[in-house]
PDB file of N, CA and C in Angstrom:
ATOM      1  N   MET A   1       0.676  -1.100  -0.039  1.00  0.00           N
ATOM      2  CA  MET A   1      -0.049  -0.149   0.164  1.00  0.00           C
ATOM      3  C   MET A   1       0.942   1.134   0.012  1.00  0.00           C
ATOM      4  N   ALA A   2       0.686   1.952  -0.950  1.00  0.00           N
ATOM      5  CA  ALA A   2       1.288   3.340  -1.107  1.00  0.00           C
ATOM      6  C   ALA A   2       1.002   4.241   0.063  1.00  0.00           C
ATOM      7  N   ASP A   3      -0.106   4.765   0.039  1.00  0.00           N
ATOM      8  CA  ASP A   3      -0.522   5.526   1.218  1.00  0.00           C
ATOM      9  C   ASP A   3      -1.397   4.814   2.068  1.00  0.00           C
ATOM     10  N   ALA A   4      -1.398   4.466   3.070  1.00  0.00           N
ATOM     11  CA  ALA A   4      -2.089   3.566   4.081  1.00  0.00           C
ATOM     12  C   ALA A   4      -2.568   4.396   5.238  1.00  0.00           C
ATOM     13  N   TYR A   5      -3.771   4.104   5.654  1.00  0.00           N
ATOM     14  CA  TYR A   5      -4.142   4.909   6.785  1.00  0.00           C
ATOM     15  C   TYR A   5      -5.022   3.924   7.697  1.00  0.00           C
ATOM     16  N   THR A   6      -4.751   4.285   9.151  1.00  0.00           N
ATOM     17  CA  THR A   6      -5.244   3.435   9.944  1.00  0.00           C
ATOM     18  C   THR A   6      -6.900   3.937  10.749  1.00  0.00           C
ATOM     19  N   LEU A   7      -7.685   3.088  10.502  1.00  0.00           N
ATOM     20  CA  LEU A   7      -9.142   3.419  10.894  1.00  0.00           C
ATOM     21  C   LEU A   7      -9.427   2.056  11.809  1.00  0.00           C
ATOM     22  N   ALA A   8     -10.377   2.571  12.235  1.00  0.00           N
ATOM     23  CA  ALA A   8     -11.222   1.631  13.368  1.00  0.00           C
ATOM     24  C   ALA A   8     -12.432   0.795  12.395  1.00  0.00           C
ATOM     25  N   GLY A   9     -12.353  -0.244  12.586  1.00  0.00           N
ATOM     26  CA  GLY A   9     -13.422  -1.223  12.197  1.00  0.00           C
ATOM     27  C   GLY A   9     -14.799  -1.229  12.981  1.00  0.00           C
ATOM     28  N   ALA A  10     -15.850  -1.574  13.070  1.00  0.00           N
ATOM     29  CA  ALA A  10     -16.852  -2.107  13.334  1.00  0.00           C
ATOM     30  C   ALA A  10     -16.864  -2.894  14.986  1.00  0.00           C
ATOM     31  N   ASP A  11     -15.739  -3.229  14.786  1.00  0.00           N
ATOM     32  CA  ASP A  11     -15.207  -3.849  16.248  1.00  0.00           C
ATOM     33  C   ASP A  11     -14.448  -3.044  17.132  1.00  0.00           C
ATOM     34  N   GLY A  12     -14.339  -1.899  16.694  1.00  0.00           N
ATOM     35  CA  GLY A  12     -13.336  -1.031  17.159  1.00  0.00           C
ATOM     36  C   GLY A  12     -11.767  -0.970  17.066  1.00  0.00           C
ATOM     37  N   ARG A  13     -11.372  -2.128  16.471  1.00  0.00           N
ATOM     38  CA  ARG A  13      -9.835  -2.523  16.107  1.00  0.00           C
ATOM     39  C   ARG A  13      -9.423  -1.667  15.199  1.00  0.00           C
ATOM     40  N   PRO A  14      -8.034  -1.616  15.247  1.00  0.00           N
ATOM     41  CA  PRO A  14      -7.558  -0.945  13.995  1.00  0.00           C
ATOM     42  C   PRO A  14      -7.340  -1.638  12.851  1.00  0.00           C
ATOM     43  N   TYR A  15      -7.496  -1.162  11.707  1.00  0.00           N
ATOM     44  CA  TYR A  15      -6.814  -1.906  10.360  1.00  0.00           C
ATOM     45  C   TYR A  15      -6.465  -0.934   9.451  1.00  0.00           C
ATOM     46  N   ARG A  16      -5.832  -1.342   8.528  1.00  0.00           N
ATOM     47  CA  ARG A  16      -5.177  -0.392   7.547  1.00  0.00           C
ATOM     48  C   ARG A  16      -5.749  -0.339   6.215  1.00  0.00           C
ATOM     49  N   SER A  17      -5.997   0.792   5.710  1.00  0.00           N
ATOM     50  CA  SER A  17      -6.953   1.225   4.569  1.00  0.00           C
ATOM     51  C   SER A  17      -6.428   2.302   3.726  1.00  0.00           C
ATOM     52  N   GLU A  18      -6.219   1.833   2.202  1.00  0.00           N
ATOM     53  CA  GLU A  18      -5.883   2.898   1.321  1.00  0.00           C
ATOM     54  C   GLU A  18      -6.661   4.045   1.334  1.00  0.00           C
ATOM     55  N   VAL A  19      -8.123   4.040   1.823  1.00  0.00           N
ATOM     56  CA  VAL A  19      -9.016   5.210   1.793  1.00  0.00           C
ATOM     57  C   VAL A  19      -8.970   6.137   3.266  1.00  0.00           C
ATOM     58  N   ALA A  20      -8.624   7.377   3.146  1.00  0.00           N
ATOM     59  CA  ALA A  20      -8.604   7.955   4.311  1.00  0.00           C
ATOM     60  C   ALA A  20     -10.096   7.716   5.017  1.00  0.00           C
ATOM     61  N   GLY A  21     -10.039   7.719   6.337  1.00  0.00           N
ATOM     62  CA  GLY A  21     -11.419   8.183   6.806  1.00  0.00           C
ATOM     63  C   GLY A  21     -12.467   9.390   6.935  1.00  0.00           C
ATOM     64  N   THR A  22     -13.589   9.437   6.739  1.00  0.00           N
ATOM     65  CA  THR A  22     -14.292  10.427   6.851  1.00  0.00           C
ATOM     66  C   THR A  22     -14.771  10.786   7.691  1.00  0.00           C
ATOM     67  N   LEU A  23     -14.475  10.203   9.171  1.00  0.00           N
ATOM     68  CA  LEU A  23     -14.925  10.882  10.254  1.00  0.00           C
ATOM     69  C   LEU A  23     -13.908  10.864  11.309  1.00  0.00           C
ATOM     70  N   GLY A  24     -13.340  11.602  12.514  1.00  0.00           N
ATOM     71  CA  GLY A  24     -12.832  11.450  13.389  1.00  0.00           C
ATOM     72  C   GLY A  24     -13.383  11.156  14.870  1.00  0.00           C
ATOM     73  N   GLY A  25     -12.606  10.579  16.113  1.00  0.00           N
ATOM     74  CA  GLY A  25     -13.529  10.433  16.975  1.00  0.00           C
ATOM     75  C   GLY A  25     -12.430  10.305  18.136  1.00  0.00           C
ATOM     76  N   HIS A  26     -12.793  10.062  19.506  1.00  0.00           N
ATOM     77  CA  HIS A  26     -12.365  10.278  20.618  1.00  0.00           C
ATOM     78  C   HIS A  26     -12.494   8.818  21.404  1.00  0.00           C
ATOM     79  N   ARG A  27     -11.133   7.873  21.402  1.00  0.00           N
ATOM     80  CA  ARG A  27     -11.208   6.480  22.022  1.00  0.00           C
ATOM     81  C   ARG A  27     -11.895   6.748  23.241  1.00  0.00           C
ATOM     82  N   ARG A  28     -11.361   7.653  24.021  1.00  0.00           N
ATOM     83  CA  ARG A  28     -11.742   7.420  25.597  1.00  0.00           C
ATOM     84  C   ARG A  28     -13.140   7.812  25.671  1.00  0.00           C
ATOM     85  N   TYR A  29     -13.254   9.266  25.097  1.00  0.00           N
ATOM     86  CA  TYR A  29     -15.085   9.613  25.061  1.00  0.00           C
ATOM     87  C   TYR A  29     -16.187   9.141  24.100  1.00  0.00           C
ATOM     88  N   ARG A  30     -15.395   7.986  23.527  1.00  0.00           N
ATOM     89  CA  ARG A  30     -16.283   7.139  22.373  1.00  0.00           C
ATOM     90  C   ARG A  30     -17.015   8.323  21.566  1.00  0.00           C
ATOM     91  N   ILE A  31     -16.730   9.387  21.099  1.00  0.00           N
ATOM     92  CA  ILE A  31     -17.298   9.974  20.191  1.00  0.00           C
ATOM     93  C   ILE A  31     -16.860  10.273  18.871  1.00  0.00           C
ATOM     94  N   TYR A  32     -17.699  10.375  18.099  1.00  0.00           N
ATOM     95  CA  TYR A  32     -17.144  10.713  16.628  1.00  0.00           C
ATOM     96  C   TYR A  32     -18.154  11.928  15.951  1.00  0.00           C
ATOM     97  N   GLY A  33     -17.352  12.497  15.007  1.00  0.00           N
ATOM     98  CA  GLY A  33     -17.799  13.782  14.412  1.00  0.00           C
ATOM     99  C   GLY A  33     -17.138  13.723  13.200  1.00  0.00           C
ATOM    100  N   ARG A  34     -17.208  14.865  12.449  1.00  0.00           N
ATOM    101  CA  ARG A  34     -16.565  15.233  11.455  1.00  0.00           C
ATOM    102  C   ARG A  34     -14.918  15.752  11.585  1.00  0.00           C
ATOM    103  N   LEU A  35     -14.418  15.521  10.473  1.00  0.00           N
ATOM    104  CA  LEU A  35     -12.962  16.086  10.598  1.00  0.00           C
ATOM    105  C   LEU A  35     -12.547  17.752  10.912  1.00  0.00           C
ATOM    106  N   ASP A  36     -13.829  18.296  10.279  1.00  0.00           N
ATOM    107  CA  ASP A  36     -13.387  19.613  10.683  1.00  0.00           C
ATOM    108  C   ASP A  36     -14.350  20.120  11.805  1.00  0.00           C
ATOM    109  N   CYS A  37     -14.485  19.583  12.773  1.00  0.00           N
ATOM    110  CA  CYS A  37     -15.173  19.878  14.135  1.00  0.00           C
ATOM    111  C   CYS A  37     -14.683  20.823  14.864  1.00  0.00           C
ATOM    112  N   PRO A  38     -15.345  21.814  14.921  1.00  0.00           N
ATOM    113  CA  PRO A  38     -14.698  22.731  15.701  1.00  0.00           C
ATOM    114  C   PRO A  38     -14.292  22.752  17.163  1.00  0.00           C
ATOM    115  N   SER A  39     -15.044  21.775  17.954  1.00  0.00           N
ATOM    116  CA  SER A  39     -14.860  21.307  19.280  1.00  0.00           C
ATOM    117  C   SER A  39     -13.419  20.630  19.006  1.00  0.00           C
ATOM    118  N   ALA A  40     -13.522  19.645  18.184  1.00  0.00           N
ATOM    119  CA  ALA A  40     -12.193  18.836  18.239  1.00  0.00           C
ATOM    120  C   ALA A  40     -11.045  19.552  17.764  1.00  0.00           C
ATOM    121  N   LEU A  41     -11.053  20.539  17.033  1.00  0.00           N
ATOM    122  CA  LEU A  41      -9.966  21.392  16.459  1.00  0.00           C
ATOM    123  C   LEU A  41      -9.605  22.091  17.527  1.00  0.00           C
ATOM    124  N   ARG A  42     -10.336  22.720  18.492  1.00  0.00           N
ATOM    125  CA  ARG A  42      -9.646  23.514  19.431  1.00  0.00           C
ATOM    126  C   ARG A  42      -9.169  22.637  20.463  1.00  0.00           C
ATOM    127  N   ALA A  43      -9.526  21.374  20.598  1.00  0.00           N
ATOM    128  CA  ALA A  43      -9.095  20.394  21.575  1.00  0.00           C
ATOM    129  C   ALA A  43      -7.406  19.929  20.778  1.00  0.00           C
ATOM    130  N   ILE A  44      -7.384  19.743  19.674  1.00  0.00           N
ATOM    131  CA  ILE A  44      -6.047  19.519  19.026  1.00  0.00           C
ATOM    132  C   ILE A  44      -5.333  20.719  19.261  1.00  0.00           C
ATOM    133  N   ALA A  45      -5.433  21.691  19.129  1.00  0.00           N
ATOM    134  CA  ALA A  45      -4.876  23.067  19.109  1.00  0.00           C
ATOM    135  C   ALA A  45      -4.184  23.306  20.408  1.00  0.00           C
ATOM    136  N   ARG A  46      -5.006  23.016  21.684  1.00  0.00           N
ATOM    137  CA  ARG A  46      -4.464  23.192  23.119  1.00  0.00           C
ATOM    138  C   ARG A  46      -3.709  21.883  23.213  1.00  0.00           C
ATOM    139  N   GLY A  47      -3.409  20.731  22.441  1.00  0.00           N
ATOM    140  CA  GLY A  47      -2.471  20.002  22.648  1.00  0.00           C
ATOM    141  C   GLY A  47      -3.176  18.649  23.105  1.00  0.00           C
ATOM    142  N   GLY A  48      -4.650  18.600  23.207  1.00  0.00           N
ATOM    143  CA  GLY A  48      -5.145  17.566  23.788  1.00  0.00           C
ATOM    144  C   GLY A  48      -5.503  16.562  22.578  1.00  0.00           C
ATOM    145  N   TYR A  49      -6.453  15.563  23.086  1.00  0.00           N
ATOM    146  CA  TYR A  49      -7.358  15.034  22.079  1.00  0.00           C
ATOM    147  C   TYR A  49      -6.317  13.819  20.983  1.00  0.00           C
ATOM    148  N   VAL A  50      -5.114  14.279  20.588  1.00  0.00           N
ATOM    149  CA  VAL A  50      -4.480  13.347  19.689  1.00  0.00           C
ATOM    150  C   VAL A  50      -3.908  11.842  20.102  1.00  0.00           C
ATOM    151  N   ALA A  51      -3.604  12.080  21.377  1.00  0.00           N
ATOM    152  CA  ALA A  51      -3.300  10.608  21.590  1.00  0.00           C
ATOM    153  C   ALA A  51      -4.876   9.390  21.750  1.00  0.00           C
ATOM    154  N   HIS A  52      -5.701   9.951  21.775  1.00  0.00           N
ATOM    155  CA  HIS A  52      -6.893   9.349  21.601  1.00  0.00           C
ATOM    156  C   HIS A  52      -7.495   9.197  20.464  1.00  0.00           C
ATOM    157  N   ARG A  53      -7.299   9.668  19.533  1.00  0.00           N
ATOM    158  CA  ARG A  53      -7.954   9.991  17.910  1.00  0.00           C
ATOM    159  C   ARG A  53      -8.068   8.649  17.369  1.00  0.00           C
ATOM    160  N   VAL A  54      -8.889   8.475  16.814  1.00  0.00           N
ATOM    161  CA  VAL A  54      -9.452   7.197  15.676  1.00  0.00           C
ATOM    162  C   VAL A  54     -10.295   8.008  14.535  1.00  0.00           C
ATOM    163  N   PHE A  55      -9.973   7.103  13.586  1.00  0.00           N
ATOM    164  CA  PHE A  55     -10.800   7.398  12.467  1.00  0.00           C
ATOM    165  C   PHE A  55     -11.807   6.128  11.789  1.00  0.00           C
ATOM    166  N   PHE A  56     -12.640   6.862  11.455  1.00  0.00           N
ATOM    167  CA  PHE A  56     -13.805   5.770  11.016  1.00  0.00           C
ATOM    168  C   PHE A  56     -13.734   5.886   9.220  1.00  0.00           C
ATOM    169  N   ALA A  57     -14.331   5.100   8.748  1.00  0.00           N
ATOM    170  CA  ALA A  57     -14.703   5.057   7.318  1.00  0.00           C
ATOM    171  C   ALA A  57     -15.940   5.656   6.897  1.00  0.00           C
ATOM    172  N   ASP A  58     -16.842   5.431   7.906  1.00  0.00           N
ATOM    173  CA  ASP A  58     -18.383   5.930   7.804  1.00  0.00           C
ATOM    174  C   ASP A  58     -18.922   6.375   9.441  1.00  0.00           C
ATOM    175  N   GLU A  59     -20.163   6.752   9.602  1.00  0.00           N
ATOM    176  CA  GLU A  59     -20.696   6.793  10.319  1.00  0.00           C
ATOM    177  C   GLU A  59     -21.406   5.475  10.834  1.00  0.00           C
ATOM    178  N   GLY A  60     -21.783   4.590  10.110  1.00  0.00           N
ATOM    179  CA  GLY A  60     -22.148   3.093  10.365  1.00  0.00           C
ATOM    180  C   GLY A  60     -21.360   2.503  11.208  1.00  0.00           C
ATOM    181  N   THR A  61     -19.920   2.563  10.733  1.00  0.00           N
ATOM    182  CA  THR A  61     -19.003   1.773  11.549  1.00  0.00           C
ATOM    183  C   THR A  61     -18.640   2.817  12.659  1.00  0.00           C
ATOM    184  N   ALA A  62     -18.692   3.646  12.702  1.00  0.00           N
ATOM    185  CA  ALA A  62     -18.550   4.379  14.235  1.00  0.00           C
ATOM    186  C   ALA A  62     -19.394   4.236  15.334  1.00  0.00           C
ATOM    187  N   ARG A  63     -20.844   3.722  14.648  1.00  0.00           N
ATOM    188  CA  ARG A  63     -21.839   3.682  15.681  1.00  0.00           C
ATOM    189  C   ARG A  63     -21.809   2.048  15.806  1.00  0.00           C
ATOM    190  N   ALA A  64     -21.601   1.289  15.128  1.00  0.00           N
ATOM    191  CA  ALA A  64     -21.579  -0.242  15.638  1.00  0.00           C
ATOM    192  C   ALA A  64     -20.322  -0.372  16.133  1.00  0.00           C
ATOM    193  N   ALA A  65     -19.280   0.606  16.429  1.00  0.00           N
ATOM    194  CA  ALA A  65     -18.049   0.228  17.301  1.00  0.00           C
ATOM    195  C   ALA A  65     -18.507   1.066  18.449  1.00  0.00           C
ATOM    196  N   GLY A  66     -19.564   1.434  18.765  1.00  0.00           N
ATOM    197  CA  GLY A  66     -20.060   2.167  19.991  1.00  0.00           C
ATOM    198  C   GLY A  66     -19.786   3.651  20.361  1.00  0.00           C
ATOM    199  N   TYR A  67     -19.422   4.151  19.334  1.00  0.00           N
ATOM    200  CA  TYR A  67     -19.315   5.606  19.478  1.00  0.00           C
ATOM    201  C   TYR A  67     -20.791   6.406  19.034  1.00  0.00           C
ATOM    202  N   ARG A  68     -20.800   7.761  19.806  1.00  0.00           N
ATOM    203  CA  ARG A  68     -21.907   8.580  19.620  1.00  0.00           C
ATOM    204  C   ARG A  68     -21.676   9.749  18.985  1.00  0.00           C
ATOM    205  N   PRO A  69     -22.773  10.162  18.315  1.00  0.00           N
ATOM    206  CA  PRO A  69     -22.577  11.503  17.645  1.00  0.00           C
ATOM    207  C   PRO A  69     -21.905  12.825  18.319  1.00  0.00           C
ATOM    208  N   CYS A  70     -21.230  13.634  17.987  1.00  0.00           N
ATOM    209  CA  CYS A  70     -20.515  14.963  18.429  1.00  0.00           C
ATOM    210  C   CYS A  70     -21.696  15.701  18.208  1.00  0.00           C
ATOM    211  N   ALA A  71     -22.220  16.681  19.508  1.00  0.00           N
ATOM    212  CA  ALA A  71     -23.482  17.262  19.455  1.00  0.00           C
ATOM    213  C   ALA A  71     -22.881  18.829  19.059  1.00  0.00           C
ATOM    214  N   VAL A  72     -21.679  19.098  18.798  1.00  0.00           N
ATOM    215  CA  VAL A  72     -21.293  20.138  18.172  1.00  0.00           C
ATOM    216  C   VAL A  72     -21.251  19.916  16.653  1.00  0.00           C
ATOM    217  N   CYS A  73     -20.648  18.992  15.878  1.00  0.00           N
ATOM    218  CA  CYS A  73     -20.391  19.074  14.607  1.00  0.00           C
ATOM    219  C   CYS A  73     -21.601  18.008  13.921  1.00  0.00           C
ATOM    220  N   LEU A  74     -22.399  17.552  14.827  1.00  0.00           N
ATOM    221  CA  LEU A  74     -23.240  16.507  14.299  1.00  0.00           C
ATOM    222  C   LEU A  74     -24.771  16.440  15.232  1.00  0.00           C
ATOM    223  N   PRO A  75     -25.304  17.655  15.058  1.00  0.00           N
ATOM    224  CA  PRO A  75     -26.303  17.943  16.217  1.00  0.00           C
ATOM    225  C   PRO A  75     -27.569  17.360  15.894  1.00  0.00           C
ATOM    226  N   GLU A  76     -27.988  17.042  14.558  1.00  0.00           N
ATOM    227  CA  GLU A  76     -29.417  16.362  14.435  1.00  0.00           C
ATOM    228  C   GLU A  76     -28.923  14.727  14.624  1.00  0.00           C
ATOM    229  N   GLN A  77     -27.757  14.204  14.167  1.00  0.00           N
ATOM    230  CA  GLN A  77     -27.415  12.927  14.810  1.00  0.00           C
ATOM    231  C   GLN A  77     -27.503  12.527  16.096  1.00  0.00           C
ATOM    232  N   TYR A  78     -26.859  13.715  16.824  1.00  0.00           N
ATOM    233  CA  TYR A  78     -26.845  13.455  18.379  1.00  0.00           C
ATOM    234  C   TYR A  78     -28.107  13.396  18.965  1.00  0.00           C
ATOM    235  N   ARG A  79     -29.025  14.298  18.627  1.00  0.00           N
ATOM    236  CA  ARG A  79     -30.540  14.288  18.910  1.00  0.00           C
ATOM    237  C   ARG A  79     -31.244  13.212  18.848  1.00  0.00           C
ATOM    238  N   LEU A  80     -30.966  12.473  17.772  1.00  0.00           N
ATOM    239  CA  LEU A  80     -31.474  11.617  17.011  1.00  0.00           C
ATOM    240  C   LEU A  80     -30.903  10.263  18.344  1.00  0.00           C
ATOM    241  N   TRP A  81     -29.731  10.009  18.450  1.00  0.00           N
ATOM    242  CA  TRP A  81     -28.861   9.444  19.334  1.00  0.00           C
ATOM    243  C   TRP A  81     -29.563   9.126  20.646  1.00  0.00           C
ATOM    244  N   LYS A  82     -29.578  10.867  20.965  1.00  0.00           N
ATOM    245  CA  LYS A  82     -30.097  11.119  22.516  1.00  0.00           C
ATOM    246  C   LYS A  82     -31.490  10.439  22.850  1.00  0.00           C
ATOM    247  N   ARG A  83     -32.300  10.611  21.781  1.00  0.00           N
ATOM    248  CA  ARG A  83     -33.485  10.152  21.775  1.00  0.00           C
ATOM    249  C   ARG A  83     -33.797   8.896  21.965  1.00  0.00           C
ATOM    250  N   GLN A  84     -32.865   7.878  21.094  1.00  0.00           N
ATOM    251  CA  GLN A  84     -32.704   6.603  21.229  1.00  0.00           C
ATOM    252  C   GLN A  84     -32.157   5.982  22.492  1.00  0.00           C
ATOM    253  N   SER A  85     -31.342   6.754  22.990  1.00  0.00           N
ATOM    254  CA  SER A  85     -30.606   6.010  24.312  1.00  0.00           C
ATOM    255  C   SER A  85     -31.760   6.276  24.896  1.00  0.00           C
ATOM    256  N   ARG A  86     -32.446   7.281  25.176  1.00  0.00           N
ATOM    257  CA  ARG A  86     -33.673   7.775  26.324  1.00  0.00           C
ATOM    258  C   ARG A  86     -34.412   6.753  26.115  1.00  0.00           C
ATOM    259  N   ALA A  87     -34.955   6.168  25.134  1.00  0.00           N
ATOM    260  CA  ALA A  87     -35.906   4.952  24.804  1.00  0.00           C
ATOM    261  C   ALA A  87     -35.574   3.728  25.108  1.00  0.00           C
ATOM    262  N   ARG A  88     -34.070   3.285  25.257  1.00  0.00           N
ATOM    263  CA  ARG A  88     -33.748   2.128  25.752  1.00  0.00           C
ATOM    264  C   ARG A  88     -33.527   1.961  26.973  1.00  0.00           C
ATOM    265  N   GLY A  89     -33.481   3.132  28.026  1.00  0.00           N
ATOM    266  CA  GLY A  89     -32.836   3.645  28.959  1.00  0.00           C
ATOM    267  C   GLY A  89     -33.647   2.766  30.357  1.00  0.00           C
TER     268      GLY A  89
END
């Protein structure tokens, strides 16, 4: 593989991909969001977050791995996730 990326699969385990991920996440907080998320970019600029960063190919994979949507950059998905979480509660 010329350019290889490390992504997280639906089981949360890393794998190599020739295609870059479309979403980033925080492994400790189990949150995923857009790569241009203002909240994540602020945390990265402060020097945090990077050690726990994980990337996903798509939203379905992130959700299957047990991550929730970011309330800042994915507000609609977050609201839906919140409603579904309460209904299961």
